[in-house]
């Protein structure tokens, strides 16, 4: 970033160094990424924790907003540089450096947006699993009632009814556990990949 530090731009009528204009955004992104890592560690232990998932969603929304602001600032700086182009090698070098930074910021923004979508999908998945478990519980209750009625009508003994209830309960529990296992695996994979990608991009794009 050494070449960019010497670039002066005008933002909202105020002239300032590009590095200063972006430094606050980078600090915000660093802080957000640090908190994200902590949340991701907690999610590895409890991947279906809705509170943690919603916190991660909010952090990613903040990261998307900050990265978008940084990208807009860099693009405005590039536009100003091009308008002041004097054909010198120094100006060409600064433009090329800034274009590279813009590419890195765009990649970081894309990463944050993808991770945000994954998190939103995970939250929806947790809700679906909860709904399935609730429905399974309701179905089990209905089946219990039907089995009891059937046993009573047929004059059957308690042992037959008990076996029906055990089979239904095992089926419902297995369904809920399978759903949670699939969700946990998906969350773990997405968390590892997105966190590593974001860390790499943040390292490259820090002023």
N, C-alpha and C. Protein backbone atom coordinates (compact mmCIF):
# COMPACT_ATOMS: atom_id res chain seq x y z
N UNK A 1 0.82 -1.22 0.00
CA UNK A 1 0.00 0.00 0.00
C UNK A 1 0.85 1.26 0.00
N UNK A 2 2.16 1.14 -0.10
CA UNK A 2 3.04 2.31 0.01
C UNK A 2 2.75 3.35 -1.06
N UNK A 3 2.44 2.92 -2.26
CA UNK A 3 2.19 3.86 -3.34
C UNK A 3 0.92 4.67 -3.12
N UNK A 4 -0.09 4.04 -2.53
CA UNK A 4 -1.38 4.72 -2.34
C UNK A 4 -1.31 5.78 -1.24
N UNK A 5 -0.43 5.60 -0.29
CA UNK A 5 -0.38 6.53 0.85
C UNK A 5 -0.11 7.96 0.42
N UNK A 6 0.48 8.17 -0.73
CA UNK A 6 0.77 9.53 -1.17
C UNK A 6 -0.34 10.16 -1.98
N UNK A 7 -1.44 9.44 -2.20
CA UNK A 7 -2.53 9.95 -3.04
C UNK A 7 -3.45 10.86 -2.22
N UNK A 8 -3.70 12.04 -2.74
CA UNK A 8 -4.62 12.98 -2.10
C UNK A 8 -5.89 13.07 -2.93
N UNK A 9 -7.05 12.96 -2.25
CA UNK A 9 -8.33 13.01 -2.95
C UNK A 9 -9.28 13.98 -2.25
N UNK A 10 -10.36 14.29 -2.92
CA UNK A 10 -11.39 15.15 -2.33
C UNK A 10 -12.65 14.32 -2.11
N UNK A 11 -13.10 14.30 -0.86
CA UNK A 11 -14.31 13.55 -0.50
C UNK A 11 -15.28 14.49 0.19
N UNK A 12 -16.47 14.63 -0.40
CA UNK A 12 -17.49 15.53 0.17
C UNK A 12 -16.96 16.95 0.37
N UNK A 13 -16.16 17.40 -0.57
CA UNK A 13 -15.66 18.76 -0.52
C UNK A 13 -14.42 18.94 0.32
N UNK A 14 -13.97 17.88 0.99
CA UNK A 14 -12.80 17.98 1.84
C UNK A 14 -11.63 17.21 1.23
N UNK A 15 -10.47 17.85 1.17
CA UNK A 15 -9.28 17.21 0.61
C UNK A 15 -8.53 16.47 1.72
N UNK A 16 -8.19 15.21 1.45
CA UNK A 16 -7.48 14.42 2.45
C UNK A 16 -6.67 13.32 1.77
N UNK A 17 -5.80 12.71 2.52
CA UNK A 17 -5.02 11.59 2.02
C UNK A 17 -5.94 10.37 1.89
N UNK A 18 -5.76 9.62 0.82
CA UNK A 18 -6.57 8.43 0.61
C UNK A 18 -6.39 7.44 1.75
N UNK A 19 -5.15 7.27 2.20
CA UNK A 19 -4.88 6.32 3.28
C UNK A 19 -5.64 6.69 4.55
N UNK A 20 -5.75 8.01 4.83
CA UNK A 20 -6.48 8.45 6.02
C UNK A 20 -7.97 8.22 5.83
N UNK A 21 -8.45 8.45 4.62
CA UNK A 21 -9.88 8.28 4.36
C UNK A 21 -10.31 6.83 4.52
N UNK A 22 -9.38 5.90 4.27
CA UNK A 22 -9.71 4.48 4.31
C UNK A 22 -9.33 3.84 5.65
N UNK A 23 -8.47 4.47 6.41
CA UNK A 23 -7.94 3.84 7.64
C UNK A 23 -9.05 3.50 8.62
N UNK A 24 -10.03 4.40 8.78
CA UNK A 24 -11.12 4.13 9.72
C UNK A 24 -11.94 2.92 9.28
N UNK A 25 -12.15 2.81 7.97
CA UNK A 25 -12.91 1.67 7.44
C UNK A 25 -12.15 0.38 7.68
N UNK A 26 -10.84 0.40 7.46
CA UNK A 26 -10.03 -0.79 7.69
C UNK A 26 -10.03 -1.19 9.16
N UNK A 27 -10.01 -0.20 10.05
CA UNK A 27 -10.05 -0.50 11.48
C UNK A 27 -11.38 -1.16 11.84
N UNK A 28 -12.45 -0.65 11.24
CA UNK A 28 -13.77 -1.24 11.48
C UNK A 28 -13.84 -2.68 10.98
N UNK A 29 -13.27 -2.91 9.79
CA UNK A 29 -13.27 -4.25 9.22
C UNK A 29 -12.44 -5.21 10.07
N UNK A 30 -11.30 -4.73 10.57
CA UNK A 30 -10.45 -5.58 11.41
C UNK A 30 -11.18 -5.98 12.68
N UNK A 31 -11.84 -5.01 13.30
CA UNK A 31 -12.58 -5.28 14.52
C UNK A 31 -13.72 -6.26 14.27
N UNK A 32 -14.42 -6.05 13.16
CA UNK A 32 -15.53 -6.94 12.80
C UNK A 32 -15.03 -8.35 12.55
N UNK A 33 -13.92 -8.48 11.81
CA UNK A 33 -13.37 -9.80 11.49
C UNK A 33 -12.91 -10.52 12.75
N UNK A 34 -12.35 -9.78 13.69
CA UNK A 34 -11.90 -10.38 14.94
C UNK A 34 -13.09 -10.95 15.71
N UNK A 35 -14.18 -10.18 15.77
CA UNK A 35 -15.38 -10.64 16.46
C UNK A 35 -16.00 -11.83 15.72
N UNK A 36 -15.95 -11.79 14.40
CA UNK A 36 -16.47 -12.90 13.59
C UNK A 36 -15.74 -14.20 13.91
N UNK A 37 -14.42 -14.12 14.07
CA UNK A 37 -13.65 -15.32 14.38
C UNK A 37 -14.08 -15.92 15.72
N UNK A 38 -14.34 -15.02 16.69
CA UNK A 38 -14.79 -15.49 18.00
C UNK A 38 -16.16 -16.17 17.90
N UNK A 39 -17.05 -15.57 17.11
CA UNK A 39 -18.39 -16.14 16.93
C UNK A 39 -18.30 -17.48 16.21
N UNK A 40 -17.43 -17.56 15.19
CA UNK A 40 -17.27 -18.81 14.46
C UNK A 40 -16.76 -19.93 15.37
N UNK A 41 -15.85 -19.62 16.28
CA UNK A 41 -15.35 -20.63 17.22
C UNK A 41 -16.49 -21.14 18.09
N UNK A 42 -17.33 -20.22 18.55
CA UNK A 42 -18.47 -20.62 19.38
C UNK A 42 -19.46 -21.47 18.59
N UNK A 43 -19.63 -21.13 17.31
CA UNK A 43 -20.57 -21.87 16.47
C UNK A 43 -20.08 -23.29 16.17
N UNK A 44 -18.77 -23.51 16.19
CA UNK A 44 -18.25 -24.86 15.99
C UNK A 44 -18.72 -25.79 17.11
N UNK A 45 -18.89 -25.22 18.31
CA UNK A 45 -19.35 -26.00 19.45
C UNK A 45 -20.87 -26.11 19.49
N UNK A 46 -21.53 -25.10 18.92
CA UNK A 46 -22.99 -25.08 18.95
C UNK A 46 -23.51 -24.50 17.63
N UNK A 47 -23.40 -25.27 16.54
CA UNK A 47 -23.70 -24.75 15.20
C UNK A 47 -25.14 -24.35 14.96
N UNK A 48 -26.06 -24.80 15.80
CA UNK A 48 -27.47 -24.45 15.59
C UNK A 48 -27.95 -23.38 16.56
N UNK A 49 -27.00 -22.69 17.21
CA UNK A 49 -27.35 -21.63 18.15
C UNK A 49 -27.85 -20.41 17.38
N UNK A 50 -29.15 -20.17 17.44
CA UNK A 50 -29.76 -19.09 16.66
C UNK A 50 -29.23 -17.72 17.08
N UNK A 51 -29.00 -17.54 18.36
CA UNK A 51 -28.50 -16.24 18.84
C UNK A 51 -27.14 -15.93 18.25
N UNK A 52 -26.25 -16.93 18.23
CA UNK A 52 -24.93 -16.74 17.65
C UNK A 52 -25.01 -16.51 16.15
N UNK A 53 -25.88 -17.25 15.48
CA UNK A 53 -26.03 -17.10 14.04
C UNK A 53 -26.55 -15.71 13.69
N UNK A 54 -27.48 -15.21 14.46
CA UNK A 54 -28.01 -13.87 14.20
C UNK A 54 -26.95 -12.80 14.48
N UNK A 55 -26.10 -13.04 15.49
CA UNK A 55 -25.00 -12.10 15.76
C UNK A 55 -24.02 -12.08 14.59
N UNK A 56 -23.72 -13.28 14.06
CA UNK A 56 -22.83 -13.37 12.91
C UNK A 56 -23.45 -12.66 11.71
N UNK A 57 -24.73 -12.82 11.52
CA UNK A 57 -25.43 -12.16 10.42
C UNK A 57 -25.27 -10.64 10.51
N UNK A 58 -25.44 -10.10 11.72
CA UNK A 58 -25.31 -8.65 11.91
C UNK A 58 -23.88 -8.19 11.65
N UNK A 59 -22.90 -8.95 12.11
CA UNK A 59 -21.50 -8.60 11.89
C UNK A 59 -21.16 -8.60 10.39
N UNK A 60 -21.68 -9.58 9.68
CA UNK A 60 -21.43 -9.65 8.25
C UNK A 60 -22.11 -8.51 7.50
N UNK A 61 -23.27 -8.12 7.95
CA UNK A 61 -23.94 -6.97 7.35
C UNK A 61 -23.09 -5.71 7.54
N UNK A 62 -22.49 -5.58 8.72
CA UNK A 62 -21.60 -4.44 9.00
C UNK A 62 -20.37 -4.50 8.09
N UNK A 63 -19.83 -5.70 7.91
CA UNK A 63 -18.64 -5.88 7.07
C UNK A 63 -18.94 -5.53 5.62
N UNK A 64 -20.09 -5.95 5.14
CA UNK A 64 -20.51 -5.63 3.77
C UNK A 64 -20.63 -4.13 3.60
N UNK A 65 -21.23 -3.47 4.58
CA UNK A 65 -21.40 -2.01 4.52
C UNK A 65 -20.05 -1.30 4.50
N UNK A 66 -19.13 -1.73 5.37
CA UNK A 66 -17.81 -1.09 5.45
C UNK A 66 -17.00 -1.33 4.18
N UNK A 67 -17.04 -2.56 3.68
CA UNK A 67 -16.29 -2.88 2.46
C UNK A 67 -16.85 -2.11 1.27
N UNK A 68 -18.16 -1.93 1.22
CA UNK A 68 -18.79 -1.16 0.14
C UNK A 68 -18.34 0.30 0.20
N UNK A 69 -18.29 0.83 1.41
CA UNK A 69 -17.84 2.22 1.60
C UNK A 69 -16.39 2.38 1.15
N UNK A 70 -15.55 1.41 1.51
CA UNK A 70 -14.15 1.45 1.12
C UNK A 70 -14.01 1.39 -0.39
N UNK A 71 -14.79 0.52 -1.01
CA UNK A 71 -14.73 0.37 -2.47
C UNK A 71 -15.16 1.65 -3.17
N UNK A 72 -16.22 2.28 -2.68
CA UNK A 72 -16.69 3.54 -3.27
C UNK A 72 -15.61 4.62 -3.17
N UNK A 73 -14.93 4.67 -2.02
CA UNK A 73 -13.88 5.67 -1.82
C UNK A 73 -12.71 5.44 -2.78
N UNK A 74 -12.33 4.19 -2.93
CA UNK A 74 -11.21 3.86 -3.83
C UNK A 74 -11.57 4.16 -5.29
N UNK A 75 -12.79 3.86 -5.67
CA UNK A 75 -13.21 4.14 -7.05
C UNK A 75 -13.28 5.65 -7.31
N UNK A 76 -13.72 6.40 -6.31
CA UNK A 76 -13.76 7.86 -6.46
C UNK A 76 -12.34 8.41 -6.58
N UNK A 77 -11.43 7.84 -5.78
CA UNK A 77 -10.04 8.27 -5.85
C UNK A 77 -9.45 7.97 -7.22
N UNK A 78 -9.76 6.81 -7.78
CA UNK A 78 -9.24 6.45 -9.10
C UNK A 78 -9.79 7.39 -10.17
N UNK A 79 -11.07 7.73 -10.05
CA UNK A 79 -11.67 8.65 -11.02
C UNK A 79 -10.97 10.01 -10.97
N UNK A 80 -10.66 10.46 -9.74
CA UNK A 80 -9.98 11.75 -9.60
C UNK A 80 -8.56 11.69 -10.14
N UNK A 81 -7.88 10.57 -9.91
CA UNK A 81 -6.53 10.40 -10.44
C UNK A 81 -6.53 10.46 -11.97
N UNK A 82 -7.49 9.78 -12.57
CA UNK A 82 -7.56 9.75 -14.03
C UNK A 82 -7.86 11.14 -14.60
N UNK A 83 -8.66 11.91 -13.86
CA UNK A 83 -8.97 13.26 -14.34
C UNK A 83 -7.76 14.19 -14.24
N UNK A 84 -6.79 13.81 -13.39
CA UNK A 84 -5.59 14.63 -13.20
C UNK A 84 -4.38 14.02 -13.93
N UNK A 85 -4.63 13.01 -14.75
CA UNK A 85 -3.54 12.29 -15.41
C UNK A 85 -2.69 13.23 -16.27
N UNK A 86 -1.39 13.27 -15.95
CA UNK A 86 -0.47 14.13 -16.70
C UNK A 86 0.43 13.32 -17.63
N UNK A 87 0.11 12.01 -17.71
CA UNK A 87 0.89 11.17 -18.61
C UNK A 87 2.21 10.71 -18.04
N UNK A 88 2.50 11.04 -16.80
CA UNK A 88 3.78 10.66 -16.20
C UNK A 88 3.77 9.21 -15.74
N UNK A 89 4.95 8.64 -15.60
CA UNK A 89 5.07 7.27 -15.11
C UNK A 89 4.58 7.15 -13.67
N UNK A 90 4.82 8.21 -12.90
CA UNK A 90 4.39 8.22 -11.50
C UNK A 90 2.87 8.12 -11.40
N UNK A 91 2.17 8.89 -12.24
CA UNK A 91 0.71 8.86 -12.22
C UNK A 91 0.20 7.50 -12.67
N UNK A 92 0.82 6.93 -13.68
CA UNK A 92 0.42 5.61 -14.18
C UNK A 92 0.63 4.55 -13.09
N UNK A 93 1.72 4.68 -12.36
CA UNK A 93 2.02 3.73 -11.29
C UNK A 93 0.98 3.81 -10.18
N UNK A 94 0.61 5.02 -9.81
CA UNK A 94 -0.39 5.20 -8.75
C UNK A 94 -1.76 4.65 -9.18
N UNK A 95 -2.11 4.87 -10.43
CA UNK A 95 -3.39 4.36 -10.92
C UNK A 95 -3.40 2.83 -10.91
N UNK A 96 -2.29 2.24 -11.34
CA UNK A 96 -2.21 0.79 -11.37
C UNK A 96 -2.31 0.21 -9.97
N UNK A 97 -1.64 0.86 -9.03
CA UNK A 97 -1.67 0.39 -7.63
C UNK A 97 -3.09 0.48 -7.07
N UNK A 98 -3.76 1.58 -7.37
CA UNK A 98 -5.11 1.77 -6.86
C UNK A 98 -6.08 0.78 -7.50
N UNK A 99 -5.88 0.50 -8.78
CA UNK A 99 -6.73 -0.49 -9.46
C UNK A 99 -6.56 -1.87 -8.82
N UNK A 100 -5.34 -2.19 -8.40
CA UNK A 100 -5.10 -3.46 -7.74
C UNK A 100 -5.82 -3.51 -6.38
N UNK A 101 -5.78 -2.39 -5.66
CA UNK A 101 -6.47 -2.33 -4.38
C UNK A 101 -7.98 -2.47 -4.55
N UNK A 102 -8.49 -1.88 -5.60
CA UNK A 102 -9.93 -1.97 -5.88
C UNK A 102 -10.32 -3.43 -6.14
N UNK A 103 -9.49 -4.14 -6.88
CA UNK A 103 -9.75 -5.56 -7.15
C UNK A 103 -9.78 -6.37 -5.86
N UNK A 104 -8.85 -6.08 -4.96
CA UNK A 104 -8.81 -6.78 -3.68
C UNK A 104 -10.03 -6.46 -2.82
N UNK A 105 -10.43 -5.20 -2.82
CA UNK A 105 -11.60 -4.81 -2.03
C UNK A 105 -12.87 -5.44 -2.60
N UNK A 106 -12.96 -5.50 -3.92
CA UNK A 106 -14.11 -6.16 -4.55
C UNK A 106 -14.17 -7.63 -4.16
N UNK A 107 -13.00 -8.28 -4.10
CA UNK A 107 -12.95 -9.69 -3.71
C UNK A 107 -13.38 -9.86 -2.25
N UNK A 108 -12.93 -8.94 -1.39
CA UNK A 108 -13.32 -9.01 0.02
C UNK A 108 -14.83 -8.82 0.16
N UNK A 109 -15.37 -7.86 -0.57
CA UNK A 109 -16.82 -7.61 -0.51
C UNK A 109 -17.60 -8.82 -0.97
N UNK A 110 -17.15 -9.43 -2.06
CA UNK A 110 -17.81 -10.64 -2.57
C UNK A 110 -17.78 -11.75 -1.53
N UNK A 111 -16.64 -11.88 -0.83
CA UNK A 111 -16.52 -12.90 0.21
C UNK A 111 -17.48 -12.67 1.36
N UNK A 112 -17.58 -11.42 1.81
CA UNK A 112 -18.50 -11.09 2.90
C UNK A 112 -19.95 -11.35 2.48
N UNK A 113 -20.29 -10.97 1.25
CA UNK A 113 -21.66 -11.17 0.78
C UNK A 113 -22.00 -12.66 0.69
N UNK A 114 -21.04 -13.47 0.24
CA UNK A 114 -21.27 -14.91 0.13
C UNK A 114 -21.43 -15.53 1.53
N UNK A 115 -20.60 -15.09 2.46
CA UNK A 115 -20.69 -15.63 3.82
C UNK A 115 -22.00 -15.20 4.48
N UNK A 116 -22.46 -14.00 4.16
CA UNK A 116 -23.73 -13.52 4.70
C UNK A 116 -24.88 -14.38 4.18
N UNK A 117 -24.85 -14.69 2.88
CA UNK A 117 -25.91 -15.55 2.32
C UNK A 117 -25.89 -16.93 2.96
N UNK A 118 -24.68 -17.48 3.17
CA UNK A 118 -24.56 -18.79 3.81
C UNK A 118 -25.16 -18.76 5.22
N UNK A 119 -24.87 -17.68 5.94
CA UNK A 119 -25.37 -17.56 7.31
C UNK A 119 -26.89 -17.44 7.32
N UNK A 120 -27.41 -16.66 6.40
CA UNK A 120 -28.87 -16.51 6.31
C UNK A 120 -29.53 -17.85 5.98
N UNK A 121 -28.90 -18.61 5.08
CA UNK A 121 -29.43 -19.93 4.73
C UNK A 121 -29.36 -20.89 5.92
N UNK A 122 -28.29 -20.76 6.71
CA UNK A 122 -28.15 -21.61 7.89
C UNK A 122 -29.23 -21.30 8.91
N UNK A 123 -29.51 -20.01 9.11
CA UNK A 123 -30.57 -19.61 10.03
C UNK A 123 -31.91 -20.19 9.57
N UNK A 124 -32.15 -20.11 8.26
CA UNK A 124 -33.38 -20.69 7.72
C UNK A 124 -33.40 -22.20 7.94
N UNK A 125 -32.23 -22.84 7.81
CA UNK A 125 -32.14 -24.28 7.99
C UNK A 125 -32.44 -24.69 9.42
N UNK A 126 -31.92 -23.90 10.38
CA UNK A 126 -32.20 -24.17 11.79
C UNK A 126 -33.69 -24.06 12.06
N UNK A 127 -34.31 -23.04 11.48
CA UNK A 127 -35.74 -22.85 11.65
C UNK A 127 -36.52 -24.03 11.06
N UNK A 128 -36.05 -24.51 9.90
CA UNK A 128 -36.73 -25.65 9.26
C UNK A 128 -36.62 -26.91 10.12
N UNK A 129 -35.40 -27.13 10.69
CA UNK A 129 -35.21 -28.30 11.54
C UNK A 129 -36.11 -28.22 12.77
N UNK A 130 -36.20 -27.01 13.35
CA UNK A 130 -37.06 -26.81 14.51
C UNK A 130 -38.52 -27.09 14.16
N UNK A 131 -38.91 -26.60 12.98
CA UNK A 131 -40.29 -26.84 12.54
C UNK A 131 -40.54 -28.33 12.33
N UNK A 132 -39.54 -29.02 11.73
CA UNK A 132 -39.69 -30.46 11.50
C UNK A 132 -39.82 -31.21 12.82
N UNK A 133 -39.01 -30.80 13.80
CA UNK A 133 -39.06 -31.46 15.11
C UNK A 133 -40.41 -31.23 15.77
N UNK A 134 -40.90 -29.98 15.64
CA UNK A 134 -42.21 -29.66 16.22
C UNK A 134 -43.30 -30.46 15.54
N UNK A 135 -43.21 -30.55 14.21
CA UNK A 135 -44.21 -31.32 13.47
C UNK A 135 -44.15 -32.80 13.84
N UNK A 136 -42.90 -33.30 13.99
CA UNK A 136 -42.74 -34.71 14.38
C UNK A 136 -43.34 -34.96 15.75
N UNK A 137 -43.16 -33.97 16.64
CA UNK A 137 -43.73 -34.11 17.98
C UNK A 137 -45.25 -34.13 17.92
N UNK A 138 -45.81 -33.23 17.09
CA UNK A 138 -47.26 -33.20 16.93
C UNK A 138 -47.77 -34.51 16.35
N UNK A 139 -47.03 -35.01 15.32
CA UNK A 139 -47.42 -36.28 14.69
C UNK A 139 -47.36 -37.42 15.69
N UNK A 140 -46.32 -37.38 16.54
CA UNK A 140 -46.17 -38.42 17.55
C UNK A 140 -47.34 -38.39 18.53
N UNK A 141 -47.71 -37.17 18.93
CA UNK A 141 -48.84 -37.04 19.84
C UNK A 141 -50.12 -37.58 19.24
N UNK A 142 -50.33 -37.25 17.98
CA UNK A 142 -51.53 -37.75 17.29
C UNK A 142 -51.50 -39.27 17.19
N UNK A 143 -50.29 -39.79 16.86
CA UNK A 143 -50.16 -41.24 16.71
C UNK A 143 -50.39 -41.95 18.04
N UNK A 144 -49.88 -41.34 19.12
CA UNK A 144 -50.09 -41.92 20.44
C UNK A 144 -51.58 -42.02 20.76
N UNK A 145 -52.26 -40.93 20.46
CA UNK A 145 -53.70 -40.91 20.72
C UNK A 145 -54.42 -41.95 19.87
N UNK A 146 -54.04 -42.04 18.58
CA UNK A 146 -54.67 -43.03 17.71
C UNK A 146 -54.37 -44.45 18.16
N UNK A 147 -53.11 -44.68 18.58
CA UNK A 147 -52.73 -46.02 19.03
C UNK A 147 -53.49 -46.42 20.27
N UNK A 148 -53.65 -45.45 21.16
CA UNK A 148 -54.41 -45.72 22.37
C UNK A 148 -55.84 -46.07 22.06
N UNK A 149 -56.44 -45.30 21.14
CA UNK A 149 -57.83 -45.56 20.74
C UNK A 149 -57.96 -46.93 20.10
N UNK A 150 -56.96 -47.26 19.24
CA UNK A 150 -57.01 -48.53 18.54
C UNK A 150 -56.87 -49.69 19.52
N UNK A 151 -55.96 -49.55 20.47
CA UNK A 151 -55.75 -50.61 21.45
C UNK A 151 -56.98 -50.81 22.30
N UNK A 152 -57.58 -49.69 22.66
CA UNK A 152 -58.79 -49.76 23.49
C UNK A 152 -59.93 -50.41 22.73
N UNK A 153 -60.07 -50.01 21.45
CA UNK A 153 -61.15 -50.56 20.64
C UNK A 153 -60.97 -52.05 20.40
N UNK A 154 -59.73 -52.47 20.20
CA UNK A 154 -59.46 -53.86 19.91
C UNK A 154 -59.32 -54.70 21.17
N UNK A 155 -59.34 -54.02 22.30
CA UNK A 155 -59.18 -54.75 23.55
C UNK A 155 -57.77 -55.26 23.74
N UNK A 156 -56.82 -54.66 23.01
CA UNK A 156 -55.43 -55.10 23.08
C UNK A 156 -54.78 -54.71 24.38
N UNK A 157 -53.68 -55.38 24.69
CA UNK A 157 -52.97 -55.10 25.93
C UNK A 157 -52.03 -53.91 25.80
N UNK A 158 -51.49 -53.49 26.96
CA UNK A 158 -50.60 -52.32 27.01
C UNK A 158 -49.28 -52.58 26.29
N UNK A 159 -48.82 -53.82 26.27
CA UNK A 159 -47.53 -54.12 25.67
C UNK A 159 -47.51 -53.79 24.19
N UNK A 160 -48.59 -54.06 23.50
CA UNK A 160 -48.66 -53.76 22.06
C UNK A 160 -48.65 -52.26 21.84
N UNK A 161 -49.40 -51.55 22.64
CA UNK A 161 -49.45 -50.08 22.53
C UNK A 161 -48.09 -49.47 22.83
N UNK A 162 -47.43 -50.01 23.87
CA UNK A 162 -46.12 -49.49 24.26
C UNK A 162 -45.11 -49.64 23.14
N UNK A 163 -45.13 -50.77 22.46
CA UNK A 163 -44.19 -51.01 21.37
C UNK A 163 -44.41 -50.02 20.24
N UNK A 164 -45.66 -49.74 19.94
CA UNK A 164 -45.98 -48.76 18.89
C UNK A 164 -45.42 -47.39 19.26
N UNK A 165 -45.59 -47.01 20.52
CA UNK A 165 -45.10 -45.70 20.97
C UNK A 165 -43.58 -45.63 20.92
N UNK A 166 -42.90 -46.72 21.32
CA UNK A 166 -41.44 -46.75 21.28
C UNK A 166 -40.95 -46.59 19.84
N UNK A 167 -41.56 -47.32 18.92
CA UNK A 167 -41.16 -47.23 17.51
C UNK A 167 -41.35 -45.82 16.97
N UNK A 168 -42.46 -45.19 17.29
CA UNK A 168 -42.75 -43.84 16.81
C UNK A 168 -41.77 -42.83 17.42
N UNK A 169 -41.48 -43.00 18.69
CA UNK A 169 -40.56 -42.07 19.36
C UNK A 169 -39.17 -42.17 18.77
N UNK A 170 -38.70 -43.41 18.57
CA UNK A 170 -37.37 -43.60 17.98
C UNK A 170 -37.28 -42.98 16.60
N UNK A 171 -38.33 -43.11 15.82
CA UNK A 171 -38.36 -42.55 14.47
C UNK A 171 -38.29 -41.03 14.51
N UNK A 172 -39.06 -40.42 15.40
CA UNK A 172 -39.08 -38.96 15.50
C UNK A 172 -37.73 -38.42 15.97
N UNK A 173 -37.14 -39.10 16.98
CA UNK A 173 -35.84 -38.65 17.50
C UNK A 173 -34.75 -38.78 16.44
N UNK A 174 -34.75 -39.90 15.71
CA UNK A 174 -33.76 -40.11 14.66
C UNK A 174 -33.87 -39.03 13.59
N UNK A 175 -35.11 -38.66 13.23
CA UNK A 175 -35.32 -37.62 12.22
C UNK A 175 -34.72 -36.29 12.66
N UNK A 176 -34.95 -35.94 13.92
CA UNK A 176 -34.44 -34.67 14.44
C UNK A 176 -32.91 -34.69 14.51
N UNK A 177 -32.32 -35.80 14.98
CA UNK A 177 -30.86 -35.90 15.10
C UNK A 177 -30.20 -35.84 13.72
N UNK A 178 -30.77 -36.55 12.75
CA UNK A 178 -30.20 -36.55 11.39
C UNK A 178 -30.21 -35.14 10.82
N UNK A 179 -31.29 -34.42 11.05
CA UNK A 179 -31.38 -33.05 10.55
C UNK A 179 -30.34 -32.15 11.18
N UNK A 180 -30.14 -32.28 12.48
CA UNK A 180 -29.16 -31.45 13.18
C UNK A 180 -27.73 -31.80 12.76
N UNK A 181 -27.46 -33.11 12.51
CA UNK A 181 -26.12 -33.52 12.07
C UNK A 181 -25.80 -32.92 10.70
N UNK A 182 -26.75 -32.98 9.80
CA UNK A 182 -26.54 -32.42 8.47
C UNK A 182 -26.30 -30.92 8.55
N UNK A 183 -27.09 -30.24 9.38
CA UNK A 183 -26.95 -28.80 9.54
C UNK A 183 -25.60 -28.45 10.16
N UNK A 184 -25.20 -29.20 11.17
CA UNK A 184 -23.92 -28.93 11.84
C UNK A 184 -22.75 -29.09 10.87
N UNK A 185 -22.80 -30.13 10.04
CA UNK A 185 -21.73 -30.34 9.06
C UNK A 185 -21.66 -29.22 8.05
N UNK A 186 -22.81 -28.76 7.58
CA UNK A 186 -22.84 -27.68 6.60
C UNK A 186 -22.32 -26.39 7.19
N UNK A 187 -22.70 -26.10 8.43
CA UNK A 187 -22.25 -24.88 9.10
C UNK A 187 -20.75 -24.92 9.32
N UNK A 188 -20.22 -26.07 9.74
CA UNK A 188 -18.78 -26.19 10.00
C UNK A 188 -17.98 -25.95 8.73
N UNK A 189 -18.38 -26.58 7.63
CA UNK A 189 -17.66 -26.42 6.36
C UNK A 189 -17.71 -24.98 5.88
N UNK A 190 -18.89 -24.37 5.92
CA UNK A 190 -19.05 -22.99 5.45
C UNK A 190 -18.26 -22.02 6.32
N UNK A 191 -18.25 -22.27 7.62
CA UNK A 191 -17.54 -21.39 8.55
C UNK A 191 -16.04 -21.43 8.31
N UNK A 192 -15.48 -22.63 8.16
CA UNK A 192 -14.03 -22.77 7.94
C UNK A 192 -13.61 -22.10 6.64
N UNK A 193 -14.34 -22.37 5.56
CA UNK A 193 -13.99 -21.84 4.25
C UNK A 193 -14.13 -20.32 4.20
N UNK A 194 -15.25 -19.79 4.69
CA UNK A 194 -15.49 -18.36 4.59
C UNK A 194 -14.57 -17.57 5.50
N UNK A 195 -14.29 -18.10 6.69
CA UNK A 195 -13.40 -17.40 7.62
C UNK A 195 -11.99 -17.32 7.06
N UNK A 196 -11.51 -18.42 6.50
CA UNK A 196 -10.15 -18.44 5.92
C UNK A 196 -10.06 -17.48 4.75
N UNK A 197 -11.09 -17.46 3.92
CA UNK A 197 -11.09 -16.58 2.76
C UNK A 197 -11.10 -15.11 3.19
N UNK A 198 -11.94 -14.78 4.16
CA UNK A 198 -12.03 -13.40 4.62
C UNK A 198 -10.73 -12.94 5.25
N UNK A 199 -10.08 -13.82 6.02
CA UNK A 199 -8.80 -13.48 6.64
C UNK A 199 -7.75 -13.16 5.58
N UNK A 200 -7.72 -13.97 4.54
CA UNK A 200 -6.74 -13.77 3.47
C UNK A 200 -6.97 -12.45 2.75
N UNK A 201 -8.23 -12.15 2.46
CA UNK A 201 -8.54 -10.91 1.76
C UNK A 201 -8.25 -9.71 2.64
N UNK A 202 -8.60 -9.79 3.93
CA UNK A 202 -8.34 -8.66 4.83
C UNK A 202 -6.85 -8.37 4.95
N UNK A 203 -6.03 -9.41 4.95
CA UNK A 203 -4.57 -9.22 5.03
C UNK A 203 -4.07 -8.46 3.82
N UNK A 204 -4.59 -8.79 2.64
CA UNK A 204 -4.13 -8.15 1.40
C UNK A 204 -4.65 -6.71 1.28
N UNK A 205 -5.84 -6.43 1.83
CA UNK A 205 -6.47 -5.14 1.55
C UNK A 205 -6.29 -4.12 2.67
N UNK A 206 -5.50 -4.43 3.71
CA UNK A 206 -5.30 -3.50 4.81
C UNK A 206 -4.30 -2.42 4.43
N UNK A 207 -4.67 -1.16 4.73
CA UNK A 207 -3.76 -0.03 4.43
C UNK A 207 -2.63 0.01 5.43
